[in-house]
Protein backbone atom coordinates (compact mmCIF):
# COMPACT_ATOMS: atom_id res chain seq x y z
CA MET A 1 56.48 -117.82 -145.83
CA LYS A 2 56.29 -117.16 -141.96
CA ARG A 3 52.66 -116.31 -142.12
CA THR A 4 51.72 -119.44 -144.17
CA LEU A 5 53.67 -121.53 -141.55
CA SER A 6 51.94 -119.73 -138.65
CA LYS A 7 48.54 -120.48 -140.23
CA PHE A 8 49.24 -123.99 -140.72
CA LEU A 9 50.55 -124.45 -137.05
CA SER A 10 47.35 -122.69 -135.70
CA VAL A 11 45.04 -124.99 -137.83
CA PHE A 12 47.05 -128.13 -136.65
CA PHE A 13 46.79 -127.21 -133.00
CA LEU A 14 43.07 -126.28 -133.33
CA ILE A 15 42.39 -129.81 -134.98
CA THR A 16 44.59 -131.50 -132.28
CA TYR A 17 42.70 -129.78 -129.54
CA PHE A 18 39.19 -130.87 -130.63
CA THR A 19 40.26 -134.23 -131.32
CA SER A 20 41.86 -134.80 -127.78
CA SER A 21 38.87 -133.19 -126.10
CA ALA A 22 36.30 -135.22 -127.67
CA GLN A 23 34.63 -138.02 -125.85
CA ASN A 24 36.05 -141.38 -126.32
CA LEU A 25 34.04 -144.45 -125.52
CA THR A 26 36.86 -146.88 -125.96
CA GLY A 27 37.31 -148.83 -122.79
CA ILE A 28 35.47 -151.17 -120.20
CA TRP A 29 31.95 -150.08 -119.05
CA ARG A 30 30.42 -151.79 -116.20
CA GLY A 31 26.94 -151.69 -114.37
CA TYR A 32 23.57 -153.38 -114.73
CA PHE A 33 20.27 -153.44 -116.32
CA ILE A 34 16.86 -153.48 -114.79
CA ALA A 35 14.16 -155.28 -116.73
CA ASP A 36 10.50 -153.92 -116.70
CA ASN A 37 9.49 -156.79 -114.60
CA GLY A 38 12.04 -155.81 -111.86
CA ASP A 39 14.63 -158.39 -112.68
CA GLN A 40 18.27 -157.10 -112.31
CA TYR A 41 21.36 -158.42 -114.20
CA LYS A 42 24.92 -157.37 -114.32
CA LEU A 43 26.22 -155.98 -117.53
CA GLU A 44 29.75 -155.17 -118.94
CA PHE A 45 30.54 -153.50 -122.30
CA GLN A 46 34.12 -153.65 -123.76
CA ILE A 47 34.08 -151.09 -126.57
CA SER A 48 36.38 -149.81 -129.36
CA GLN A 49 35.59 -146.44 -130.95
CA ASN A 50 36.89 -145.28 -134.35
CA SER A 51 35.70 -141.82 -135.10
CA SER A 52 31.76 -142.11 -134.70
CA ALA A 53 31.75 -145.82 -135.37
CA VAL A 54 31.75 -148.32 -132.34
CA SER A 55 32.03 -151.96 -131.93
CA GLY A 56 32.70 -154.41 -129.18
CA VAL A 57 31.22 -157.13 -127.03
CA SER A 58 28.83 -157.33 -124.18
CA TYR A 59 28.63 -159.69 -120.96
CA SER A 60 25.32 -160.20 -119.33
CA TYR A 61 25.38 -162.29 -116.14
CA LEU A 62 23.33 -163.35 -113.18
CA ASP A 63 25.78 -165.35 -110.83
CA VAL A 64 25.86 -168.89 -111.81
CA ARG A 65 22.33 -169.15 -113.17
CA PHE A 66 22.85 -167.11 -116.37
CA TYR A 67 25.84 -165.88 -118.52
CA GLY A 68 25.79 -164.62 -122.07
CA LYS A 69 28.41 -162.78 -124.39
CA ALA A 70 27.46 -161.17 -127.63
CA THR A 71 29.17 -159.16 -130.33
CA MET A 72 27.95 -155.48 -130.80
CA THR A 73 27.95 -152.59 -133.34
CA GLY A 74 26.96 -149.02 -133.09
CA SER A 75 27.62 -145.31 -133.30
CA PHE A 76 28.24 -142.41 -131.21
CA ILE A 77 26.87 -138.82 -132.03
CA LYS A 78 29.18 -136.29 -130.24
CA SER A 79 26.95 -133.32 -130.87
CA SER A 80 24.22 -134.71 -128.72
CA SER A 81 26.23 -137.11 -126.58
CA SER A 82 24.00 -139.84 -127.66
CA PHE A 83 25.10 -143.51 -128.09
CA ARG A 84 23.34 -146.39 -129.87
CA ILE A 85 24.59 -149.75 -129.89
CA ARG A 86 22.98 -153.27 -130.72
CA GLU A 87 23.95 -156.84 -130.27
CA ILE A 88 24.36 -158.79 -133.42
CA ARG A 89 24.53 -162.27 -132.09
CA THR A 90 25.40 -164.36 -128.98
CA LEU A 91 28.92 -165.95 -128.79
CA GLU A 92 28.50 -167.92 -125.52
CA VAL A 93 25.42 -168.66 -123.44
CA LYS A 94 25.20 -170.80 -120.24
CA SER A 95 21.77 -170.82 -118.64
CA LEU A 96 20.09 -172.84 -115.82
CA LEU A 97 16.98 -170.90 -116.30
CA GLY A 98 15.99 -172.45 -119.57
CA GLY A 99 14.18 -170.63 -122.44
CA ALA A 100 15.42 -168.88 -125.74
CA THR A 101 18.21 -166.19 -125.68
CA CYS A 102 17.66 -162.64 -126.65
CA ILE A 103 19.85 -159.87 -128.13
CA MET A 104 19.52 -156.36 -127.06
CA ASN A 105 19.29 -152.93 -128.69
CA TYR A 106 20.63 -150.13 -126.35
CA ASN A 107 20.08 -146.19 -126.58
CA PHE A 108 22.24 -144.29 -124.15
CA VAL A 109 23.18 -140.79 -123.12
CA TYR A 110 26.85 -139.97 -122.24
CA THR A 111 27.53 -137.76 -119.14
CA LYS A 112 30.68 -136.97 -117.28
CA SER A 113 30.98 -135.82 -113.58
CA GLY A 114 34.66 -134.78 -112.75
CA LYS A 115 36.67 -137.70 -113.86
CA GLU A 116 33.75 -140.13 -113.82
CA GLU A 117 32.02 -141.18 -117.10
CA PHE A 118 28.64 -142.68 -117.22
CA LEU A 119 26.25 -144.22 -119.88
CA ASP A 120 22.55 -143.97 -118.76
CA GLY A 121 19.71 -145.36 -121.15
CA THR A 122 17.22 -147.90 -122.12
CA TYR A 123 17.04 -151.16 -123.97
CA LEU A 124 14.78 -153.32 -125.96
CA GLY A 125 15.29 -157.02 -126.55
CA LYS A 126 14.32 -159.47 -129.43
CA TYR A 127 14.68 -163.25 -129.92
CA GLU A 128 17.54 -164.22 -132.13
CA ARG A 129 16.73 -165.20 -135.72
CA LYS A 130 17.91 -168.81 -135.20
CA TYR A 131 14.75 -169.47 -133.40
CA LYS A 132 12.52 -168.68 -136.46
CA THR A 133 9.70 -167.40 -134.42
CA VAL A 134 6.37 -166.44 -136.28
CA PRO A 135 5.96 -163.56 -136.88
CA PRO A 136 9.66 -162.65 -137.19
CA PRO A 137 11.24 -161.19 -134.08
CA VAL A 138 11.15 -157.50 -133.65
CA TRP A 139 12.68 -155.17 -130.95
CA GLY A 140 10.64 -155.39 -127.71
CA ASP A 141 9.25 -158.88 -128.05
CA CYS A 142 11.99 -159.92 -125.51
CA GLY A 143 11.09 -157.10 -123.08
CA GLY A 144 12.95 -153.86 -122.11
CA GLY A 145 14.13 -151.74 -119.36
CA LYS A 146 16.66 -149.40 -117.88
CA VAL A 147 20.52 -149.68 -118.13
CA TYR A 148 23.26 -147.85 -116.01
CA LEU A 149 26.97 -148.19 -116.89
CA ARG A 150 30.19 -146.48 -115.50
CA LYS A 151 33.61 -146.48 -117.12
CA VAL A 152 36.07 -148.63 -115.18
CA THR A 153 39.63 -149.99 -115.84
CA THR A 154 39.20 -153.68 -115.06
CA SER A 155 37.01 -156.45 -116.29
CA ASP A 156 35.01 -159.00 -114.47
CA PHE A 157 36.19 -161.51 -117.24
CA TYR A 158 39.21 -160.63 -119.21
CA VAL A 159 40.29 -157.80 -121.48
CA GLU A 160 39.51 -158.42 -125.13
CA PRO A 161 42.36 -158.51 -127.68
CA PHE A 162 41.16 -155.29 -129.42
CA LEU A 163 41.35 -153.36 -126.02
CA ARG A 164 44.78 -154.53 -125.07
CA ASN A 165 47.38 -151.77 -124.73
CA LYS A 166 44.59 -149.24 -124.98
CA ILE A 167 43.65 -149.37 -121.32
CA LYS A 168 45.81 -147.77 -118.55
CA ASP A 169 45.12 -148.77 -115.21
CA ASN A 170 45.62 -145.66 -113.11
CA THR A 171 43.67 -146.95 -110.22
CA PRO A 172 45.20 -145.44 -106.88
CA VAL A 173 45.69 -147.99 -104.16
CA ILE A 174 43.33 -147.03 -101.21
CA ILE A 175 43.62 -148.50 -97.75
CA ASN A 176 40.18 -148.83 -96.57
CA GLU A 177 39.62 -148.16 -92.88
CA PRO A 178 36.51 -149.00 -90.94
CA PRO A 179 34.07 -145.92 -90.12
CA ARG A 180 35.30 -144.43 -86.94
CA LYS A 181 32.81 -144.47 -83.99
CA LYS A 182 32.01 -141.14 -82.77
CA ASP A 183 32.54 -140.44 -79.14
CA SER A 184 29.09 -140.54 -77.44
CA ALA A 185 30.22 -137.54 -75.05
CA LYS A 186 30.80 -135.30 -78.11
CA THR A 187 27.77 -136.04 -80.14
CA VAL A 188 26.71 -133.38 -82.54
CA PHE A 189 23.00 -133.62 -81.76
CA LYS A 190 21.80 -131.40 -78.94
CA PRO A 191 18.57 -132.19 -76.79
CA ALA A 192 15.39 -131.00 -78.40
CA ILE A 193 14.38 -127.42 -77.34
CA LYS A 194 11.37 -127.59 -75.07
CA ASN A 195 8.57 -125.18 -75.84
CA PRO A 196 8.74 -122.13 -73.67
CA PRO A 197 5.72 -121.30 -71.58
CA LEU A 198 2.90 -119.37 -73.32
CA ASN A 199 2.52 -115.79 -72.30
CA LYS A 200 -0.90 -114.63 -71.49
CA PRO A 201 -2.19 -111.81 -73.78
CA ALA A 202 -1.51 -108.37 -71.96
CA ASP A 203 -4.85 -107.03 -73.07
CA LYS A 204 -6.81 -109.69 -71.12
CA PRO A 205 -9.40 -107.83 -69.03
CA ILE A 206 -8.97 -108.19 -65.23
CA VAL A 207 -12.23 -108.25 -63.24
CA LYS A 208 -11.61 -107.55 -59.50
CA THR A 209 -14.05 -109.36 -57.20
CA ASN A 210 -12.94 -107.95 -54.03
CA SER A 211 -13.97 -111.20 -52.32
CA SER A 212 -12.43 -110.35 -49.09
CA LYS A 213 -15.07 -107.68 -48.17
CA LYS A 214 -18.59 -108.99 -47.00
CA PRO A 215 -21.27 -107.63 -49.03
CA VAL A 216 -23.14 -104.79 -47.29
CA THR A 217 -26.96 -105.25 -47.33
CA LYS A 218 -28.89 -101.98 -46.92
CA PRO A 219 -32.56 -101.28 -46.50
CA ALA A 220 -34.61 -101.49 -49.76
CA THR A 221 -35.73 -97.77 -49.27
CA ASN A 222 -32.37 -96.55 -50.26
CA THR A 223 -32.45 -95.75 -53.95
CA ASN A 224 -28.93 -94.87 -54.31
CA THR A 225 -27.61 -98.25 -54.20
CA THR A 226 -30.16 -99.65 -56.65
CA LYS A 227 -29.28 -96.90 -58.99
CA THR A 228 -25.54 -97.62 -58.65
CA ASN A 229 -26.16 -101.28 -59.07
CA SER A 230 -28.18 -100.49 -62.38
CA ASP A 231 -25.62 -98.23 -63.48
CA GLU A 232 -22.90 -100.84 -63.14
CA ILE A 233 -24.84 -103.39 -65.02
CA LYS A 234 -25.54 -101.10 -67.93
CA LYS A 235 -21.78 -100.50 -68.24
CA LEU A 236 -21.24 -104.14 -68.48
CA ASN A 237 -24.19 -104.80 -70.84
CA VAL A 238 -25.68 -107.24 -68.58
CA ALA A 239 -29.27 -107.77 -67.91
CA PRO A 240 -30.24 -107.13 -64.19
CA ASN A 241 -31.15 -110.09 -62.15
CA THR A 242 -31.61 -111.01 -58.56
CA ASN A 243 -28.95 -113.45 -58.15
CA ALA A 244 -26.02 -113.17 -55.59
CA SER A 245 -23.60 -112.00 -58.22
CA THR A 246 -25.79 -108.88 -58.92
CA LYS A 247 -26.12 -108.21 -55.22
CA MET A 248 -22.22 -108.13 -55.10
CA ASN A 249 -21.93 -105.57 -57.93
CA LEU A 250 -20.39 -108.61 -60.29
CA PRO A 251 -21.45 -109.48 -63.77
CA PRO A 252 -22.58 -113.44 -64.14
CA LYS A 253 -19.77 -115.74 -65.01
CA ASP A 254 -21.14 -116.43 -68.51
CA SER A 255 -20.73 -112.91 -69.52
CA ILE A 256 -17.15 -112.91 -68.39
CA GLN A 257 -16.26 -115.75 -70.56
CA LYS A 258 -17.86 -114.18 -73.62
CA THR A 259 -15.81 -110.94 -73.18
CA LEU A 260 -12.38 -112.71 -73.00
CA PRO A 261 -10.59 -112.92 -76.42
CA PRO A 262 -9.51 -116.51 -77.65
CA ILE A 263 -6.00 -117.54 -76.50
CA THR A 264 -3.78 -118.52 -79.68
CA LYS A 265 -1.09 -121.07 -78.90
CA VAL A 266 2.15 -120.39 -80.85
CA ILE A 267 4.41 -123.35 -81.15
CA PRO A 268 7.90 -122.48 -82.03
CA LYS A 269 9.60 -124.40 -84.91
CA GLN A 270 12.12 -126.92 -83.46
CA ILE A 271 15.57 -126.15 -84.72
CA VAL A 272 17.62 -129.15 -85.79
CA PRO A 273 21.36 -128.56 -85.31
CA THR A 274 23.65 -128.98 -88.37
CA PRO A 275 25.78 -132.18 -88.01
CA GLU A 276 29.58 -131.86 -88.33
CA ALA A 277 29.55 -134.04 -91.46
CA LEU A 278 27.46 -131.32 -93.25
CA LYS A 279 29.47 -128.41 -91.69
CA LYS A 280 33.03 -129.34 -92.55
CA ARG A 281 32.26 -130.38 -96.24
CA SER A 282 30.79 -128.37 -99.10
CA ASN A 283 27.14 -129.42 -99.93
CA GLU A 284 26.52 -129.51 -103.68
CA LEU A 285 22.94 -129.64 -105.02
CA VAL A 286 22.77 -132.45 -107.56
CA LYS A 287 19.08 -132.55 -108.61
CA THR A 288 15.70 -131.29 -107.43
CA PHE A 289 12.79 -133.69 -108.07
CA VAL A 290 9.10 -132.61 -107.86
CA VAL A 291 6.82 -135.41 -106.88
CA SER A 292 2.87 -135.37 -106.89
CA ASN A 293 2.38 -138.51 -104.85
CA PRO A 294 3.01 -138.23 -100.87
CA GLU A 295 4.30 -141.87 -100.91
CA VAL A 296 7.99 -141.64 -101.99
CA THR A 297 10.61 -144.38 -102.23
CA VAL A 298 14.31 -143.57 -102.58
CA LYS A 299 16.78 -146.39 -103.49
CA LEU A 300 20.60 -146.21 -103.63
CA TYR A 301 22.72 -148.62 -105.62
CA ASP A 302 26.56 -148.78 -106.23
CA ASN A 303 26.91 -147.40 -109.78
CA GLY A 304 29.10 -149.57 -111.89
CA GLU A 305 31.73 -151.68 -110.12
CA ILE A 306 30.99 -152.64 -106.56
CA ASP A 307 34.20 -151.50 -104.84
CA ASP A 308 33.01 -151.16 -101.10
CA ASP A 309 31.83 -147.55 -101.43
CA THR A 310 30.39 -146.71 -98.14
CA ILE A 311 27.88 -143.77 -97.41
CA SER A 312 25.79 -142.14 -94.74
CA VAL A 313 22.50 -140.37 -95.63
CA TYR A 314 20.98 -137.34 -93.74
CA LEU A 315 17.41 -136.54 -94.04
CA ASP A 316 16.62 -132.98 -93.15
CA LYS A 317 19.95 -132.90 -91.14
CA LYS A 318 18.90 -136.04 -89.23
CA LEU A 319 21.01 -139.33 -89.69
CA VAL A 320 18.92 -141.95 -91.28
CA LEU A 321 21.59 -144.38 -92.76
CA SER A 322 24.95 -144.69 -90.94
CA ALA A 323 27.95 -146.00 -92.82
CA LYS A 324 26.14 -148.35 -95.24
CA ARG A 325 27.93 -150.21 -97.95
CA LEU A 326 26.68 -149.78 -101.53
CA THR A 327 25.97 -153.03 -103.53
CA ALA A 328 23.70 -154.16 -106.33
CA SER A 329 20.89 -154.46 -103.85
CA PRO A 330 19.42 -151.03 -103.00
CA LEU A 331 19.52 -149.14 -99.72
CA THR A 332 15.83 -148.06 -99.34
CA LEU A 333 14.31 -145.09 -97.71
CA LYS A 334 10.53 -144.49 -97.64
CA LEU A 335 9.34 -140.96 -97.03
CA LYS A 336 5.81 -139.60 -96.35
CA MET A 337 5.18 -136.04 -97.84
CA ASP A 338 2.23 -133.59 -97.46
CA GLU A 339 1.47 -129.92 -97.74
CA GLU A 340 2.94 -129.30 -94.22
CA THR A 341 6.40 -130.97 -94.95
CA ALA A 342 6.28 -130.03 -98.64
CA GLU A 343 10.23 -130.31 -99.04
CA HIS A 344 12.66 -132.81 -97.93
CA GLU A 345 16.67 -132.62 -98.31
CA LEU A 346 18.67 -135.79 -98.57
CA VAL A 347 22.47 -135.40 -98.22
CA MET A 348 24.87 -138.35 -99.19
CA VAL A 349 28.12 -138.29 -97.38
CA ALA A 350 30.99 -140.46 -98.32
CA GLU A 351 32.47 -142.47 -95.45
CA ASN A 352 35.28 -143.81 -97.77
CA LEU A 353 36.02 -143.62 -101.37
CA GLY A 354 36.09 -147.42 -102.09
CA ARG A 355 38.73 -149.00 -104.26
CA ILE A 356 37.97 -146.68 -107.25
CA PRO A 357 37.44 -142.98 -106.06
CA PRO A 358 35.29 -141.07 -105.89
CA ASN A 359 32.47 -142.51 -104.11
CA THR A 360 29.70 -142.99 -106.62
CA SER A 361 26.06 -144.30 -106.38
CA LEU A 362 22.77 -144.29 -108.35
CA MET A 363 19.74 -142.84 -106.90
CA ILE A 364 16.31 -143.90 -108.09
CA VAL A 365 13.28 -141.88 -106.80
CA GLU A 366 9.77 -143.56 -107.20
CA SER A 367 6.55 -141.52 -106.48
CA GLY A 368 3.53 -143.22 -107.85
CA GLU A 369 3.97 -143.46 -111.67
CA GLN A 370 6.78 -140.92 -111.51
CA ARG A 371 10.46 -142.36 -111.63
CA TYR A 372 13.66 -140.30 -111.47
CA THR A 373 17.36 -141.10 -111.45
CA ALA A 374 20.37 -139.13 -110.27
CA GLN A 375 24.11 -139.97 -110.43
CA ILE A 376 25.62 -139.17 -107.17
CA THR A 377 29.19 -138.38 -106.73
CA SER A 378 30.72 -137.55 -103.23
CA THR A 379 34.20 -137.14 -101.81
CA GLU A 380 36.08 -136.44 -98.60
CA GLN A 381 35.47 -132.60 -99.50
CA LYS A 382 32.07 -132.50 -100.95
CA ASN A 383 28.79 -133.97 -100.05
CA ALA A 384 25.90 -134.53 -102.69
CA VAL A 385 22.41 -133.08 -102.08
CA VAL A 386 19.12 -133.99 -103.56
CA ARG A 387 15.82 -132.10 -102.80
CA LEU A 388 12.35 -133.50 -103.09
CA LYS A 389 9.39 -131.17 -103.41
CA TYR A 390 5.85 -132.07 -103.00
CA GLN A 391 3.11 -130.47 -105.26
CA LYS A 392 -0.43 -131.77 -104.68
CA PRO A 393 -1.99 -132.75 -108.03
CA LYS A 394 -4.62 -130.43 -109.41
């Protein structure tokens, strides 16, 4: 009897563990989608999950010019962390832009970083059936693009009835302080190290001219002087001639220049000091991107709710963005890469944690036709690092 009870309790706790540790999409997700033509709209999901089945509503909006609400249905596959959901029909639409309304079909991948949860994916749109287009509408005839969402605890609208009493607002109260100005007298950056004077090669041949003594002219009948001069010339591999340098036992200037080895200039690599913000916090590598186009554009957005996240960005230890607020409009950096500077390192430093910690952002890297994305999370103890490597196309 005891063995049977023990086995029952083991199975019960095992089932309870897996049920509690499985991902749960129930809640509010907020972010934006970027259409293929570059247009950007805000997006909010309110979702309820029952096992693998998912249902809910979506809100799409672009300030006062457009607002739409639609019902949704879909499924979540835990084994692959893939999430598919599509809009069924629009419930409310307000548009100053004109035109027909579209419903959207989303494909997401679920990821988690610490306590932060994200949905990244793509969408395809199609016109609603009520417009009776010919041929009938299909997914894609109303465009497509990328979608980025983050799980939050508040809504830009109101919490739907099916979510009430299911969301706990555990958002801590954060008092945002403006970034402190660093004392200019204690600046981290040191003056650039000047190149030391180049040392001349030690094996450079030294030719003594003995110019202080006047040349001694002897009668032409003295054969010893002529023989000595010819021996000196043979040693220096210089053809005898009758100019003044021969009479002074000196080789011609041209021959001296030819015997000197070329001077190679060695320019020491300039050492960039590590800023205090990168010394005092741990630096965690998030992604390494390999690009084949030397022209690279890096864009940083607030990921999810815009909650006054502020960051500084260092490029190869040099400050390029100082205490900039993340919004739906990107902070943009343009880089020029070549074989000499084949690798760059970007470090994102959180200046504050916003209203909803931690400090999160979305990075988009564009290089020619290549496009990469990375979820960036930084705290007051940890910086986020992204490396860019250049490989010349074959």
